[in-house]
Amino acid sequence: MLGWMSKREARRHGLTHNALLYGLLPCYAGDLLSDAPLLEFKHPVFAAAEKVVAPLYMLACHVSGREPMFGIQLRGEIGDAK
């Protein structure tokens, strides 16, 4: 579909896992053991939505007294691209 990143393309970029950013935005993640993991949204619309969600997430962390961190939830490895 137009704009969607395929599993095959994600694997070519070194992304290895399906993930959700902030529990809402579907993305692919890779290089998980580094200090700066790779993160790519599955569709450009989710990248635009992240511009709205990120400040809300940081505000929620500030209000609750929690340390802000990456809100990435891993959902398993990317399956074989067919």
PDB file of N, CA and C in Angstrom:
ATOM      1  N   MET A   1       0.835  -1.183   0.000  1.00  0.00           N
ATOM      2  CA  MET A   1       0.000   0.000   0.000  1.00  0.00           C
ATOM      3  C   MET A   1       0.878   1.243   0.000  1.00  0.00           C
ATOM      4  N   LEU A   2       0.339   2.291  -0.540  1.00  0.00           N
ATOM      5  CA  LEU A   2       1.078   3.531  -0.707  1.00  0.00           C
ATOM      6  C   LEU A   2       1.584   4.077   0.626  1.00  0.00           C
ATOM      7  N   GLY A   3       2.878   4.265   0.725  1.00  0.00           N
ATOM      8  CA  GLY A   3       3.471   4.854   1.916  1.00  0.00           C
ATOM      9  C   GLY A   3       3.907   3.876   2.993  1.00  0.00           C
ATOM     10  N   TRP A   4       3.357   2.674   3.005  1.00  0.00           N
ATOM     11  CA  TRP A   4       3.702   1.703   4.045  1.00  0.00           C
ATOM     12  C   TRP A   4       5.081   1.124   3.806  1.00  0.00           C
ATOM     13  N   MET A   5       5.854   0.950   4.862  1.00  0.00           N
ATOM     14  CA  MET A   5       7.155   0.283   4.758  1.00  0.00           C
ATOM     15  C   MET A   5       6.929  -1.214   4.895  1.00  0.00           C
ATOM     16  N   SER A   6       7.404  -1.964   3.925  1.00  0.00           N
ATOM     17  CA  SER A   6       7.224  -3.412   3.951  1.00  0.00           C
ATOM     18  C   SER A   6       8.215  -4.052   4.923  1.00  0.00           C
ATOM     19  N   LYS A   7       7.920  -5.282   5.306  1.00  0.00           N
ATOM     20  CA  LYS A   7       8.829  -6.026   6.181  1.00  0.00           C
ATOM     21  C   LYS A   7      10.186  -6.210   5.509  1.00  0.00           C
ATOM     22  N   ARG A   8      10.151  -6.473   4.221  1.00  0.00           N
ATOM     23  CA  ARG A   8      11.400  -6.679   3.473  1.00  0.00           C
ATOM     24  C   ARG A   8      12.261  -5.415   3.497  1.00  0.00           C
ATOM     25  N   GLU A   9      11.636  -4.282   3.256  1.00  0.00           N
ATOM     26  CA  GLU A   9      12.366  -3.014   3.270  1.00  0.00           C
ATOM     27  C   GLU A   9      12.901  -2.710   4.669  1.00  0.00           C
ATOM     28  N   ALA A  10      12.115  -2.992   5.686  1.00  0.00           N
ATOM     29  CA  ALA A  10      12.553  -2.766   7.065  1.00  0.00           C
ATOM     30  C   ALA A  10      13.794  -3.600   7.377  1.00  0.00           C
ATOM     31  N   ARG A  11      13.795  -4.854   6.955  1.00  0.00           N
ATOM     32  CA  ARG A  11      14.948  -5.722   7.217  1.00  0.00           C
ATOM     33  C   ARG A  11      16.182  -5.227   6.458  1.00  0.00           C
ATOM     34  N   ARG A  12      15.990  -4.688   5.251  1.00  0.00           N
ATOM     35  CA  ARG A  12      17.115  -4.133   4.487  1.00  0.00           C
ATOM     36  C   ARG A  12      17.755  -2.958   5.227  1.00  0.00           C
ATOM     37  N   HIS A  13      16.968  -2.221   5.987  1.00  0.00           N
ATOM     38  CA  HIS A  13      17.482  -1.068   6.734  1.00  0.00           C
ATOM     39  C   HIS A  13      18.059  -1.462   8.092  1.00  0.00           C
ATOM     40  N   GLY A  14      18.060  -2.747   8.404  1.00  0.00           N
ATOM     41  CA  GLY A  14      18.629  -3.208   9.662  1.00  0.00           C
ATOM     42  C   GLY A  14      17.651  -3.224  10.823  1.00  0.00           C
ATOM     43  N   LEU A  15      16.375  -3.093  10.531  1.00  0.00           N
ATOM     44  CA  LEU A  15      15.349  -3.127  11.581  1.00  0.00           C
ATOM     45  C   LEU A  15      14.944  -4.573  11.815  1.00  0.00           C
ATOM     46  N   THR A  16      14.800  -4.968  13.060  1.00  0.00           N
ATOM     47  CA  THR A  16      14.613  -6.384  13.381  1.00  0.00           C
ATOM     48  C   THR A  16      13.327  -6.706  14.133  1.00  0.00           C
ATOM     49  N   HIS A  17      12.663  -5.704  14.708  1.00  0.00           N
ATOM     50  CA  HIS A  17      11.494  -5.962  15.560  1.00  0.00           C
ATOM     51  C   HIS A  17      10.306  -5.069  15.204  1.00  0.00           C
ATOM     52  N   ASN A  18       9.106  -5.610  15.393  1.00  0.00           N
ATOM     53  CA  ASN A  18       7.885  -4.808  15.366  1.00  0.00           C
ATOM     54  C   ASN A  18       7.782  -4.144  16.724  1.00  0.00           C
ATOM     55  N   ALA A  19       7.303  -2.903  16.741  1.00  0.00           N
ATOM     56  CA  ALA A  19       7.216  -2.179  18.009  1.00  0.00           C
ATOM     57  C   ALA A  19       6.068  -1.177  17.968  1.00  0.00           C
ATOM     58  N   LEU A  20       5.753  -0.666  19.139  1.00  0.00           N
ATOM     59  CA  LEU A  20       4.807   0.444  19.283  1.00  0.00           C
ATOM     60  C   LEU A  20       5.521   1.549  20.038  1.00  0.00           C
ATOM     61  N   LEU A  21       5.470   2.751  19.518  1.00  0.00           N
ATOM     62  CA  LEU A  21       6.041   3.893  20.216  1.00  0.00           C
ATOM     63  C   LEU A  21       4.945   4.511  21.067  1.00  0.00           C
ATOM     64  N   TYR A  22       5.206   4.696  22.342  1.00  0.00           N
ATOM     65  CA  TYR A  22       4.240   5.210  23.315  1.00  0.00           C
ATOM     66  C   TYR A  22       2.992   4.338  23.412  1.00  0.00           C
ATOM     67  N   GLY A  23       3.088   3.099  22.981  1.00  0.00           N
ATOM     68  CA  GLY A  23       1.958   2.187  23.033  1.00  0.00           C
ATOM     69  C   GLY A  23       0.883   2.465  22.004  1.00  0.00           C
ATOM     70  N   LEU A  24       1.147   3.385  21.070  1.00  0.00           N
ATOM     71  CA  LEU A  24       0.138   3.804  20.091  1.00  0.00           C
ATOM     72  C   LEU A  24       0.571   3.711  18.634  1.00  0.00           C
ATOM     73  N   LEU A  25       1.808   4.084  18.352  1.00  0.00           N
ATOM     74  CA  LEU A  25       2.245   4.290  16.975  1.00  0.00           C
ATOM     75  C   LEU A  25       3.067   3.107  16.468  1.00  0.00           C
ATOM     76  N   PRO A  26       2.565   2.362  15.475  1.00  0.00           N
ATOM     77  CA  PRO A  26       3.291   1.197  14.965  1.00  0.00           C
ATOM     78  C   PRO A  26       4.586   1.598  14.251  1.00  0.00           C
ATOM     79  N   CYS A  27       5.643   0.869  14.574  1.00  0.00           N
ATOM     80  CA  CYS A  27       6.939   1.154  13.969  1.00  0.00           C
ATOM     81  C   CYS A  27       7.785  -0.118  13.951  1.00  0.00           C
ATOM     82  N   TYR A  28       8.921  -0.007  13.293  1.00  0.00           N
ATOM     83  CA  TYR A  28       9.931  -1.057  13.299  1.00  0.00           C
ATOM     84  C   TYR A  28      11.104  -0.547  14.126  1.00  0.00           C
ATOM     85  N   ALA A  29      11.777  -1.433  14.835  1.00  0.00           N
ATOM     86  CA  ALA A  29      12.929  -1.060  15.660  1.00  0.00           C
ATOM     87  C   ALA A  29      14.104  -1.976  15.342  1.00  0.00           C
ATOM     88  N   GLY A  30      15.292  -1.464  15.537  1.00  0.00           N
ATOM     89  CA  GLY A  30      16.506  -2.244  15.313  1.00  0.00           C
ATOM     90  C   GLY A  30      17.640  -1.710  16.171  1.00  0.00           C
ATOM     91  N   ASP A  31      18.765  -2.409  16.174  1.00  0.00           N
ATOM     92  CA  ASP A  31      19.948  -2.034  16.946  1.00  0.00           C
ATOM     93  C   ASP A  31      19.577  -1.782  18.402  1.00  0.00           C
ATOM     94  N   LEU A  32      18.859  -2.725  18.978  1.00  0.00           N
ATOM     95  CA  LEU A  32      18.246  -2.544  20.293  1.00  0.00           C
ATOM     96  C   LEU A  32      19.229  -2.450  21.449  1.00  0.00           C
ATOM     97  N   LEU A  33      20.404  -2.994  21.304  1.00  0.00           N
ATOM     98  CA  LEU A  33      21.359  -2.991  22.406  1.00  0.00           C
ATOM     99  C   LEU A  33      22.250  -1.748  22.426  1.00  0.00           C
ATOM    100  N   SER A  34      22.049  -0.836  21.491  1.00  0.00           N
ATOM    101  CA  SER A  34      22.865   0.380  21.459  1.00  0.00           C
ATOM    102  C   SER A  34      22.226   1.466  22.321  1.00  0.00           C
ATOM    103  N   ASP A  35      22.942   2.556  22.496  1.00  0.00           N
ATOM    104  CA  ASP A  35      22.411   3.688  23.248  1.00  0.00           C
ATOM    105  C   ASP A  35      21.345   4.452  22.463  1.00  0.00           C
ATOM    106  N   ALA A  36      21.347   4.280  21.139  1.00  0.00           N
ATOM    107  CA  ALA A  36      20.375   4.974  20.285  1.00  0.00           C
ATOM    108  C   ALA A  36      19.793   3.975  19.284  1.00  0.00           C
ATOM    109  N   PRO A  37      18.748   3.257  19.677  1.00  0.00           N
ATOM    110  CA  PRO A  37      18.166   2.265  18.773  1.00  0.00           C
ATOM    111  C   PRO A  37      17.561   2.920  17.524  1.00  0.00           C
ATOM    112  N   LEU A  38      17.530   2.156  16.439  1.00  0.00           N
ATOM    113  CA  LEU A  38      16.892   2.625  15.208  1.00  0.00           C
ATOM    114  C   LEU A  38      15.385   2.508  15.361  1.00  0.00           C
ATOM    115  N   LEU A  39      14.674   3.470  14.816  1.00  0.00           N
ATOM    116  CA  LEU A  39      13.217   3.453  14.885  1.00  0.00           C
ATOM    117  C   LEU A  39      12.686   4.067  13.599  1.00  0.00           C
ATOM    118  N   GLU A  40      11.803   3.353  12.935  1.00  0.00           N
ATOM    119  CA  GLU A  40      11.203   3.843  11.693  1.00  0.00           C
ATOM    120  C   GLU A  40       9.714   3.534  11.728  1.00  0.00           C
ATOM    121  N   PHE A  41       8.898   4.542  11.483  1.00  0.00           N
ATOM    122  CA  PHE A  41       7.453   4.336  11.486  1.00  0.00           C
ATOM    123  C   PHE A  41       7.020   3.532  10.269  1.00  0.00           C
ATOM    124  N   LYS A  42       5.966   2.745  10.455  1.00  0.00           N
ATOM    125  CA  LYS A  42       5.474   1.902   9.365  1.00  0.00           C
ATOM    126  C   LYS A  42       4.787   2.723   8.279  1.00  0.00           C
ATOM    127  N   HIS A  43       4.341   3.933   8.591  1.00  0.00           N
ATOM    128  CA  HIS A  43       3.692   4.807   7.618  1.00  0.00           C
ATOM    129  C   HIS A  43       4.003   6.262   7.996  1.00  0.00           C
ATOM    130  N   PRO A  44       4.169   7.152   7.012  1.00  0.00           N
ATOM    131  CA  PRO A  44       4.484   8.551   7.314  1.00  0.00           C
ATOM    132  C   PRO A  44       3.440   9.257   8.189  1.00  0.00           C
ATOM    133  N   VAL A  45       2.200   8.824   8.154  1.00  0.00           N
ATOM    134  CA  VAL A  45       1.165   9.433   8.996  1.00  0.00           C
ATOM    135  C   VAL A  45       1.518   9.279  10.474  1.00  0.00           C
ATOM    136  N   PHE A  46       2.110   8.157  10.837  1.00  0.00           N
ATOM    137  CA  PHE A  46       2.479   7.919  12.230  1.00  0.00           C
ATOM    138  C   PHE A  46       3.621   8.835  12.652  1.00  0.00           C
ATOM    139  N   ALA A  47       4.502   9.195  11.720  1.00  0.00           N
ATOM    140  CA  ALA A  47       5.580  10.138  12.028  1.00  0.00           C
ATOM    141  C   ALA A  47       4.992  11.511  12.352  1.00  0.00           C
ATOM    142  N   ALA A  48       3.963  11.916  11.625  1.00  0.00           N
ATOM    143  CA  ALA A  48       3.301  13.187  11.900  1.00  0.00           C
ATOM    144  C   ALA A  48       2.585  13.137  13.251  1.00  0.00           C
ATOM    145  N   ALA A  49       1.946  12.018  13.548  1.00  0.00           N
ATOM    146  CA  ALA A  49       1.238  11.871  14.821  1.00  0.00           C
ATOM    147  C   ALA A  49       2.212  11.916  15.998  1.00  0.00           C
ATOM    148  N   GLU A  50       3.442  11.463  15.781  1.00  0.00           N
ATOM    149  CA  GLU A  50       4.444  11.452  16.840  1.00  0.00           C
ATOM    150  C   GLU A  50       4.778  12.873  17.285  1.00  0.00           C
ATOM    151  N   LYS A  51       4.668  13.827  16.382  1.00  0.00           N
ATOM    152  CA  LYS A  51       4.945  15.230  16.717  1.00  0.00           C
ATOM    153  C   LYS A  51       3.936  15.758  17.744  1.00  0.00           C
ATOM    154  N   VAL A  52       2.750  15.173  17.779  1.00  0.00           N
ATOM    155  CA  VAL A  52       1.728  15.569  18.750  1.00  0.00           C
ATOM    156  C   VAL A  52       1.852  14.739  20.031  1.00  0.00           C
ATOM    157  N   VAL A  53       2.104  13.449  19.873  1.00  0.00           N
ATOM    158  CA  VAL A  53       2.115  12.536  21.019  1.00  0.00           C
ATOM    159  C   VAL A  53       3.350  12.735  21.904  1.00  0.00           C
ATOM    160  N   ALA A  54       4.510  13.021  21.317  1.00  0.00           N
ATOM    161  CA  ALA A  54       5.753  13.132  22.094  1.00  0.00           C
ATOM    162  C   ALA A  54       5.675  14.200  23.187  1.00  0.00           C
ATOM    163  N   PRO A  55       5.221  15.421  22.895  1.00  0.00           N
ATOM    164  CA  PRO A  55       5.130  16.405  23.982  1.00  0.00           C
ATOM    165  C   PRO A  55       4.137  15.999  25.076  1.00  0.00           C
ATOM    166  N   LEU A  56       3.054  15.339  24.687  1.00  0.00           N
ATOM    167  CA  LEU A  56       2.089  14.872  25.687  1.00  0.00           C
ATOM    168  C   LEU A  56       2.704  13.812  26.586  1.00  0.00           C
ATOM    169  N   TYR A  57       3.502  12.930  26.001  1.00  0.00           N
ATOM    170  CA  TYR A  57       4.189  11.893  26.772  1.00  0.00           C
ATOM    171  C   TYR A  57       5.174  12.529  27.759  1.00  0.00           C
ATOM    172  N   MET A  58       5.939  13.511  27.282  1.00  0.00           N
ATOM    173  CA  MET A  58       6.906  14.181  28.159  1.00  0.00           C
ATOM    174  C   MET A  58       6.190  14.938  29.284  1.00  0.00           C
ATOM    175  N   LEU A  59       5.071  15.557  28.971  1.00  0.00           N
ATOM    176  CA  LEU A  59       4.290  16.250  29.996  1.00  0.00           C
ATOM    177  C   LEU A  59       3.767  15.262  31.048  1.00  0.00           C
ATOM    178  N   ALA A  60       3.276  14.119  30.581  1.00  0.00           N
ATOM    179  CA  ALA A  60       2.787  13.095  31.513  1.00  0.00           C
ATOM    180  C   ALA A  60       3.916  12.596  32.416  1.00  0.00           C
ATOM    181  N   CYS A  61       5.111  12.428  31.854  1.00  0.00           N
ATOM    182  CA  CYS A  61       6.260  12.012  32.670  1.00  0.00           C
ATOM    183  C   CYS A  61       6.598  13.074  33.701  1.00  0.00           C
ATOM    184  N   HIS A  62       6.573  14.331  33.296  1.00  0.00           N
ATOM    185  CA  HIS A  62       6.900  15.428  34.210  1.00  0.00           C
ATOM    186  C   HIS A  62       5.886  15.521  35.354  1.00  0.00           C
ATOM    187  N   VAL A  63       4.608  15.447  35.026  1.00  0.00           N
ATOM    188  CA  VAL A  63       3.550  15.562  36.026  1.00  0.00           C
ATOM    189  C   VAL A  63       3.590  14.396  37.015  1.00  0.00           C
ATOM    190  N   SER A  64       3.876  13.196  36.505  1.00  0.00           N
ATOM    191  CA  SER A  64       3.892  12.017  37.375  1.00  0.00           C
ATOM    192  C   SER A  64       5.216  11.853  38.122  1.00  0.00           C
ATOM    193  N   GLY A  65       6.217  12.660  37.772  1.00  0.00           N
ATOM    194  CA  GLY A  65       7.509  12.576  38.449  1.00  0.00           C
ATOM    195  C   GLY A  65       8.406  11.468  37.940  1.00  0.00           C
ATOM    196  N   ARG A  66       8.019  10.827  36.817  1.00  0.00           N
ATOM    197  CA  ARG A  66       8.855   9.756  36.253  1.00  0.00           C
ATOM    198  C   ARG A  66       9.929  10.349  35.350  1.00  0.00           C
ATOM    199  N   GLU A  67      11.023   9.641  35.238  1.00  0.00           N
ATOM    200  CA  GLU A  67      12.095  10.028  34.332  1.00  0.00           C
ATOM    201  C   GLU A  67      11.652   9.757  32.890  1.00  0.00           C
ATOM    202  N   PRO A  68      11.704  10.765  31.994  1.00  0.00           N
ATOM    203  CA  PRO A  68      11.345  10.505  30.595  1.00  0.00           C
ATOM    204  C   PRO A  68      12.313   9.502  29.965  1.00  0.00           C
ATOM    205  N   MET A  69      11.794   8.608  29.178  1.00  0.00           N
ATOM    206  CA  MET A  69      12.613   7.618  28.490  1.00  0.00           C
ATOM    207  C   MET A  69      11.907   7.223  27.202  1.00  0.00           C
ATOM    208  N   PHE A  70      12.576   6.403  26.417  1.00  0.00           N
ATOM    209  CA  PHE A  70      11.936   5.917  25.197  1.00  0.00           C
ATOM    210  C   PHE A  70      10.714   5.094  25.571  1.00  0.00           C
ATOM    211  N   GLY A  71       9.603   5.385  24.986  1.00  0.00           N
ATOM    212  CA  GLY A  71       8.388   4.625  25.242  1.00  0.00           C
ATOM    213  C   GLY A  71       8.166   3.572  24.182  1.00  0.00           C
ATOM    214  N   ILE A  72       9.149   2.700  23.991  1.00  0.00           N
ATOM    215  CA  ILE A  72       9.073   1.686  22.933  1.00  0.00           C
ATOM    216  C   ILE A  72       8.652   0.350  23.529  1.00  0.00           C
ATOM    217  N   GLN A  73       7.582  -0.222  22.992  1.00  0.00           N
ATOM    218  CA  GLN A  73       7.151  -1.564  23.387  1.00  0.00           C
ATOM    219  C   GLN A  73       7.438  -2.512  22.231  1.00  0.00           C
ATOM    220  N   LEU A  74       8.299  -3.478  22.461  1.00  0.00           N
ATOM    221  CA  LEU A  74       8.617  -4.452  21.418  1.00  0.00           C
ATOM    222  C   LEU A  74       7.491  -5.474  21.313  1.00  0.00           C
ATOM    223  N   ARG A  75       7.140  -5.838  20.092  1.00  0.00           N
ATOM    224  CA  ARG A  75       6.055  -6.783  19.837  1.00  0.00           C
ATOM    225  C   ARG A  75       6.536  -8.054  19.169  1.00  0.00           C
ATOM    226  N   GLY A  76       7.838  -8.272  19.131  1.00  0.00           N
ATOM    227  CA  GLY A  76       8.386  -9.489  18.531  1.00  0.00           C
ATOM    228  C   GLY A  76       9.191  -9.180  17.290  1.00  0.00           C
ATOM    229  N   GLU A  77       9.918 -10.170  16.844  1.00  0.00           N
ATOM    230  CA  GLU A  77      10.751  -9.999  15.665  1.00  0.00           C
ATOM    231  C   GLU A  77       9.892  -9.884  14.404  1.00  0.00           C
ATOM    232  N   ILE A  78      10.460  -9.192  13.428  1.00  0.00           N
ATOM    233  CA  ILE A  78       9.788  -9.092  12.141  1.00  0.00           C
ATOM    234  C   ILE A  78       9.814 -10.470  11.492  1.00  0.00           C
ATOM    235  N   GLY A  79       8.671 -10.952  11.062  1.00  0.00           N
ATOM    236  CA  GLY A  79       8.582 -12.260  10.404  1.00  0.00           C
ATOM    237  C   GLY A  79       9.248 -12.240   9.042  1.00  0.00           C
ATOM    238  N   ASP A  80       9.382 -13.405   8.458  1.00  0.00           N
ATOM    239  CA  ASP A  80       9.953 -13.508   7.128  1.00  0.00           C
ATOM    240  C   ASP A  80       9.088 -12.750   6.133  1.00  0.00           C
ATOM    241  N   ALA A  81       9.722 -11.896   5.345  1.00  0.00           N
ATOM    242  CA  ALA A  81       8.997 -11.159   4.314  1.00  0.00           C
ATOM    243  C   ALA A  81       8.656 -12.103   3.173  1.00  0.00           C
ATOM    244  N   LYS A  82       7.410 -12.114   2.784  1.00  0.00           N
ATOM    245  CA  LYS A  82       6.987 -13.014   1.716  1.00  0.00           C
ATOM    246  C   LYS A  82       6.584 -12.238   0.500  1.00  0.00           C
TER     247      LYS A  82
END
